[in-house]
Amino acid sequence: MAGRLIFHFTPGDSALHRWDARCKFAGLLVISIGLLYMDVPGLSLFTAAFAVSLPLSRLPWKEFLRDLRLWGLFLLFIFCLQAVSLSGREPSVLPWLTVTKPGLVLAFLSCWRLALILCYATLFTAVTRPHDLQDALVWIMKPFPFLPARRIALMVSLTLRFLPLIMDHGEEVRLAGRSRLAHQRRNLLERIKYFALPLFRKSLLRADQMALALAARGYDEDLPARMGGIPARHLFGLAFLAALVVFFAGPVPDILAKEFLDFMEEVRRTAA
């Protein structure tokens, strides 16, 4: 369990760790929305940016990427679903299934976008303290008095804390069952039962412990947010990120690509 990093906060002193939590949350929203409208140039750039951000944040990138493989089956399912649903009336590449090349390309791009969103979300949880995220959400929702800001922020913070705990409990139950040769049972329902019941029990006990800890610490929804103003250099980083996302999510990359292709075609004709 110590090697599992997904959804865990990893302490550090990198630039991403020191970046204001409000800017990180806003940046995650901007990237997640912008990736939905990007094509190959923008997706390639933000893939490279993610690859560079791992060593810069001083995270153990091998373990980090190993944990992200857990989403592989989910992305494979999305790819197959998109490949079938987005295929048009063009000739199919498979005789027994309606799958076309444009459908495969669109499915690949959709999975690429979704994978990048998952990567950046996981990076966000790795470099942001849950308590800082809670204060940031309270600060962001402060202009809306009709929203229970402290309660919503607490729910988000507890969710981020509870997800890795459930995954750790699941790993503990799996290893305990494997030591008792539970994985060799032929009855699939029995294997599910011996995995799910202990996991539910551990999760409910941990949830009860969290509730008691909140009550013991005198949790109060009326406590004000303890965050001051956002430093100018942090706002500059957020503005640069937003400008980059807007540039690559808009029509400019397509126009530049078309102009480049036209220029190369003109050069080819001139050379011929």
Protein backbone atom coordinates (compact mmCIF):
# COMPACT_ATOMS: atom_id res chain seq x y z
CA MET A 1 0.00 0.00 0.00
CA ALA A 2 2.90 2.33 0.52
CA GLY A 3 3.68 2.28 -3.19
CA ARG A 4 0.17 3.30 -4.25
CA LEU A 5 0.10 6.98 -5.16
CA ILE A 6 -3.14 7.50 -7.05
CA PHE A 7 -5.49 9.91 -5.23
CA HIS A 8 -2.88 10.30 -2.46
CA PHE A 9 -1.25 13.57 -1.49
CA THR A 10 2.53 13.29 -1.75
CA PRO A 11 4.37 15.82 0.45
CA GLY A 12 6.97 17.91 -1.31
CA ASP A 13 8.42 21.37 -1.84
CA SER A 14 8.21 21.68 -5.62
CA ALA A 15 6.75 24.62 -7.51
CA LEU A 16 3.50 22.69 -8.06
CA HIS A 17 3.25 21.96 -4.33
CA ARG A 18 3.78 25.64 -3.50
CA TRP A 19 1.34 26.90 -6.14
CA ASP A 20 -1.80 28.35 -4.56
CA ALA A 21 -4.55 25.73 -4.24
CA ARG A 22 -7.12 28.13 -5.72
CA CYS A 23 -4.96 28.58 -8.83
CA LYS A 24 -4.39 24.84 -9.09
CA PHE A 25 -8.13 24.13 -8.87
CA ALA A 26 -8.93 26.79 -11.48
CA GLY A 27 -6.11 25.51 -13.69
CA LEU A 28 -7.47 21.96 -13.47
CA LEU A 29 -10.91 23.17 -14.55
CA VAL A 30 -9.43 25.16 -17.45
CA ILE A 31 -7.32 22.23 -18.65
CA SER A 32 -10.17 19.72 -18.31
CA ILE A 33 -12.54 21.87 -20.35
CA GLY A 34 -9.90 22.89 -22.91
CA LEU A 35 -8.77 19.32 -23.57
CA LEU A 36 -12.27 18.46 -24.78
CA TYR A 37 -11.83 20.86 -27.71
CA MET A 38 -8.19 20.18 -28.60
CA ASP A 39 -6.85 18.20 -31.53
CA VAL A 40 -3.51 16.51 -32.03
CA PRO A 41 -1.23 19.60 -31.63
CA GLY A 42 -2.77 20.69 -28.35
CA LEU A 43 -3.04 17.15 -26.99
CA SER A 44 0.61 16.51 -27.87
CA LEU A 45 1.71 19.69 -26.10
CA PHE A 46 -0.21 18.93 -22.92
CA THR A 47 0.98 15.33 -22.97
CA ALA A 48 4.56 16.61 -23.05
CA ALA A 49 3.71 19.13 -20.32
CA PHE A 50 2.40 16.36 -18.11
CA ALA A 51 5.52 14.28 -18.73
CA VAL A 52 7.68 17.25 -17.72
CA SER A 53 5.58 18.09 -14.65
CA LEU A 54 6.17 14.69 -13.04
CA PRO A 55 9.94 15.11 -12.48
CA LEU A 56 9.45 18.81 -11.69
CA SER A 57 7.02 17.93 -8.91
CA ARG A 58 9.52 15.33 -7.64
CA LEU A 59 6.97 12.53 -7.75
CA PRO A 60 8.05 8.89 -8.21
CA TRP A 61 6.89 8.78 -11.80
CA LYS A 62 7.25 5.01 -12.25
CA GLU A 63 4.85 4.27 -9.39
CA PHE A 64 2.64 7.13 -10.54
CA LEU A 65 2.27 5.75 -14.07
CA ARG A 66 1.87 2.22 -12.72
CA ASP A 67 -1.16 3.33 -10.71
CA LEU A 68 -2.63 5.08 -13.74
CA ARG A 69 -2.69 1.73 -15.53
CA LEU A 70 -5.71 0.90 -13.38
CA TRP A 71 -7.74 3.07 -15.78
CA GLY A 72 -6.60 1.06 -18.81
CA LEU A 73 -9.65 -1.24 -18.91
CA PHE A 74 -11.98 1.73 -18.50
CA LEU A 75 -10.31 3.57 -21.39
CA LEU A 76 -10.36 0.42 -23.53
CA PHE A 77 -14.11 0.10 -22.95
CA ILE A 78 -14.60 3.76 -23.89
CA PHE A 79 -12.48 3.28 -27.01
CA CYS A 80 -14.52 0.29 -28.20
CA LEU A 81 -17.79 2.07 -27.48
CA GLN A 82 -16.70 5.23 -29.30
CA ALA A 83 -15.26 3.31 -32.26
CA VAL A 84 -18.59 1.58 -32.87
CA SER A 85 -20.87 4.55 -32.18
CA LEU A 86 -18.86 7.14 -34.17
CA SER A 87 -18.40 5.02 -37.29
CA GLY A 88 -20.33 6.41 -40.26
CA ARG A 89 -21.32 4.91 -43.58
CA GLU A 90 -17.79 4.47 -44.92
CA PRO A 91 -16.43 0.95 -45.60
CA SER A 92 -15.73 -0.93 -42.41
CA VAL A 93 -12.21 -2.12 -41.57
CA LEU A 94 -13.70 -5.26 -39.97
CA PRO A 95 -16.11 -7.45 -41.95
CA TRP A 96 -18.02 -8.62 -38.89
CA LEU A 97 -18.28 -5.23 -37.11
CA THR A 98 -19.18 -1.72 -38.25
CA VAL A 99 -15.91 0.04 -37.47
CA THR A 100 -14.45 2.64 -39.84
CA LYS A 101 -11.13 4.43 -39.88
CA PRO A 102 -12.67 7.85 -39.02
CA GLY A 103 -14.47 6.18 -36.13
CA LEU A 104 -11.21 4.69 -34.84
CA VAL A 105 -9.47 8.08 -35.11
CA LEU A 106 -12.25 9.87 -33.22
CA ALA A 107 -12.31 7.13 -30.57
CA PHE A 108 -8.55 7.38 -30.13
CA LEU A 109 -8.75 11.17 -29.72
CA SER A 110 -11.59 10.83 -27.21
CA CYS A 111 -9.61 8.35 -25.11
CA TRP A 112 -6.51 10.53 -25.39
CA ARG A 113 -8.44 13.51 -24.03
CA LEU A 114 -9.98 11.48 -21.23
CA ALA A 115 -6.63 9.94 -20.29
CA LEU A 116 -5.02 13.40 -20.05
CA ILE A 117 -7.88 14.66 -17.87
CA LEU A 118 -7.36 11.68 -15.54
CA CYS A 119 -3.60 12.27 -15.49
CA TYR A 120 -3.92 15.94 -14.59
CA ALA A 121 -6.59 15.20 -11.98
CA THR A 122 -4.33 12.61 -10.38
CA LEU A 123 -1.42 15.04 -10.47
CA PHE A 124 -3.63 17.66 -8.81
CA THR A 125 -4.48 15.34 -5.91
CA ALA A 126 -0.81 14.40 -5.55
CA VAL A 127 0.42 17.99 -5.11
CA THR A 128 -2.54 19.54 -3.23
CA ARG A 129 -3.24 19.04 0.45
CA PRO A 130 -6.90 18.10 1.06
CA HIS A 131 -7.10 20.80 3.74
CA ASP A 132 -5.81 23.44 1.32
CA LEU A 133 -8.36 22.30 -1.26
CA GLN A 134 -11.10 22.57 1.35
CA ASP A 135 -10.13 26.16 2.21
CA ALA A 136 -9.82 27.00 -1.49
CA LEU A 137 -13.34 25.75 -2.23
CA VAL A 138 -14.73 27.73 0.71
CA TRP A 139 -12.96 30.85 -0.61
CA ILE A 140 -14.26 30.28 -4.15
CA MET A 141 -17.87 29.81 -2.99
CA LYS A 142 -17.75 32.77 -0.61
CA PRO A 143 -19.57 35.12 -3.06
CA PHE A 144 -22.56 32.72 -3.05
CA PRO A 145 -24.20 32.99 0.38
CA PHE A 146 -26.98 30.54 -0.50
CA LEU A 147 -24.45 27.70 -0.87
CA PRO A 148 -23.28 25.73 2.20
CA ALA A 149 -19.66 26.32 1.23
CA ARG A 150 -18.04 24.70 4.26
CA ARG A 151 -20.21 21.60 3.95
CA ILE A 152 -19.57 21.19 0.21
CA ALA A 153 -15.83 21.72 0.67
CA LEU A 154 -15.75 19.17 3.48
CA MET A 155 -17.57 16.60 1.33
CA VAL A 156 -15.07 17.08 -1.51
CA SER A 157 -12.13 16.89 0.89
CA LEU A 158 -13.44 13.75 2.60
CA THR A 159 -14.10 12.14 -0.78
CA LEU A 160 -10.49 12.71 -1.81
CA ARG A 161 -9.35 11.29 1.52
CA PHE A 162 -11.71 8.33 1.41
CA LEU A 163 -11.04 7.11 -2.14
CA PRO A 164 -7.39 6.15 -1.49
CA LEU A 165 -8.41 4.57 1.81
CA ILE A 166 -10.94 2.36 0.02
CA MET A 167 -8.30 1.39 -2.53
CA ASP A 168 -5.83 0.59 0.25
CA HIS A 169 -8.45 -1.48 2.08
CA GLY A 170 -9.21 -3.32 -1.14
CA GLU A 171 -5.53 -4.12 -1.59
CA GLU A 172 -5.33 -5.36 2.01
CA VAL A 173 -8.37 -7.60 1.54
CA ARG A 174 -7.02 -8.92 -1.75
CA LEU A 175 -3.64 -9.81 -0.26
CA ALA A 176 -5.27 -11.37 2.80
CA GLY A 177 -7.53 -13.48 0.61
CA ARG A 178 -4.62 -14.47 -1.62
CA SER A 179 -2.66 -15.66 1.42
CA ARG A 180 -5.66 -17.88 2.25
CA LEU A 181 -5.87 -19.16 -1.38
CA ALA A 182 -9.20 -17.40 -1.91
CA HIS A 183 -8.16 -16.57 -5.49
CA GLN A 184 -8.21 -20.28 -6.31
CA ARG A 185 -11.91 -20.67 -5.59
CA ARG A 186 -13.79 -21.70 -8.70
CA ASN A 187 -17.07 -20.11 -7.66
CA LEU A 188 -16.92 -16.50 -8.82
CA LEU A 189 -19.74 -15.40 -6.50
CA GLU A 190 -17.86 -16.72 -3.48
CA ARG A 191 -14.72 -14.86 -4.52
CA ILE A 192 -16.73 -11.64 -4.87
CA LYS A 193 -18.41 -12.22 -1.51
CA TYR A 194 -15.15 -12.83 0.36
CA PHE A 195 -13.72 -9.66 -1.19
CA ALA A 196 -16.70 -7.30 -0.97
CA LEU A 197 -17.91 -8.03 2.56
CA PRO A 198 -14.59 -7.34 4.35
CA LEU A 199 -14.08 -4.26 2.17
CA PHE A 200 -17.52 -2.87 3.06
CA ARG A 201 -16.89 -3.58 6.73
CA LYS A 202 -13.51 -1.82 6.75
CA SER A 203 -14.90 1.14 4.78
CA LEU A 204 -17.89 1.61 7.09
CA LEU A 205 -15.67 1.38 10.17
CA ARG A 206 -13.32 4.00 8.74
CA ALA A 207 -16.26 6.27 7.87
CA ASP A 208 -17.51 5.96 11.46
CA GLN A 209 -14.04 6.80 12.75
CA MET A 210 -13.94 9.91 10.53
CA ALA A 211 -17.32 11.06 11.84
CA LEU A 212 -16.17 10.62 15.44
CA ALA A 213 -12.92 12.47 14.71
CA LEU A 214 -14.86 15.43 13.25
CA ALA A 215 -17.14 15.54 16.28
CA ALA A 216 -14.20 15.29 18.69
CA ARG A 217 -12.46 18.22 16.99
CA GLY A 218 -15.54 20.42 17.25
CA TYR A 219 -16.35 20.70 13.54
CA ASP A 220 -18.21 23.94 12.82
CA GLU A 221 -19.58 24.98 9.41
CA ASP A 222 -19.41 28.68 10.36
CA LEU A 223 -15.62 28.81 10.53
CA PRO A 224 -14.23 31.35 8.04
CA ALA A 225 -11.71 30.47 5.34
CA ARG A 226 -8.16 31.10 6.45
CA MET A 227 -6.75 32.01 3.05
CA GLY A 228 -5.50 35.49 2.17
CA GLY A 229 -4.98 37.06 -1.22
CA ILE A 230 -3.49 35.18 -4.15
CA PRO A 231 0.12 36.20 -4.92
CA ALA A 232 0.61 37.94 -8.25
CA ARG A 233 3.12 35.37 -9.54
CA HIS A 234 0.58 32.59 -8.94
CA LEU A 235 -2.06 34.52 -10.87
CA PHE A 236 0.45 35.05 -13.70
CA GLY A 237 0.99 31.29 -13.94
CA LEU A 238 -2.76 30.70 -14.07
CA ALA A 239 -3.21 33.39 -16.75
CA PHE A 240 -0.42 31.89 -18.87
CA LEU A 241 -1.99 28.43 -18.57
CA ALA A 242 -5.43 29.77 -19.52
CA ALA A 243 -4.00 31.60 -22.53
CA LEU A 244 -2.23 28.44 -23.67
CA VAL A 245 -5.42 26.40 -23.35
CA VAL A 246 -7.50 28.98 -25.23
CA PHE A 247 -4.91 29.16 -28.01
CA PHE A 248 -4.78 25.40 -28.61
CA ALA A 249 -8.48 24.77 -28.00
CA GLY A 250 -9.50 27.42 -30.55
CA PRO A 251 -9.30 27.45 -34.35
CA VAL A 252 -5.77 28.92 -34.50
CA PRO A 253 -3.86 25.56 -34.60
CA ASP A 254 -6.10 24.28 -37.42
CA ILE A 255 -5.55 27.47 -39.42
CA LEU A 256 -1.78 27.27 -38.92
CA ALA A 257 -1.75 23.59 -39.87
CA LYS A 258 -3.73 24.31 -43.04
CA GLU A 259 -1.38 27.16 -43.97
CA PHE A 260 1.64 24.92 -43.37
CA LEU A 261 0.19 22.14 -45.54
CA ASP A 262 -0.59 24.63 -48.29
CA PHE A 263 2.94 26.01 -48.08
CA MET A 264 4.47 22.51 -48.30
CA GLU A 265 2.24 21.68 -51.27
CA GLU A 266 3.40 24.88 -53.01
CA VAL A 267 7.04 24.00 -52.30
CA ARG A 268 6.52 20.51 -53.73
CA ARG A 269 4.96 21.89 -56.88
CA THR A 270 7.76 24.42 -57.30
CA ALA A 271 10.41 21.73 -56.88
CA ALA A 272 8.67 19.52 -59.41
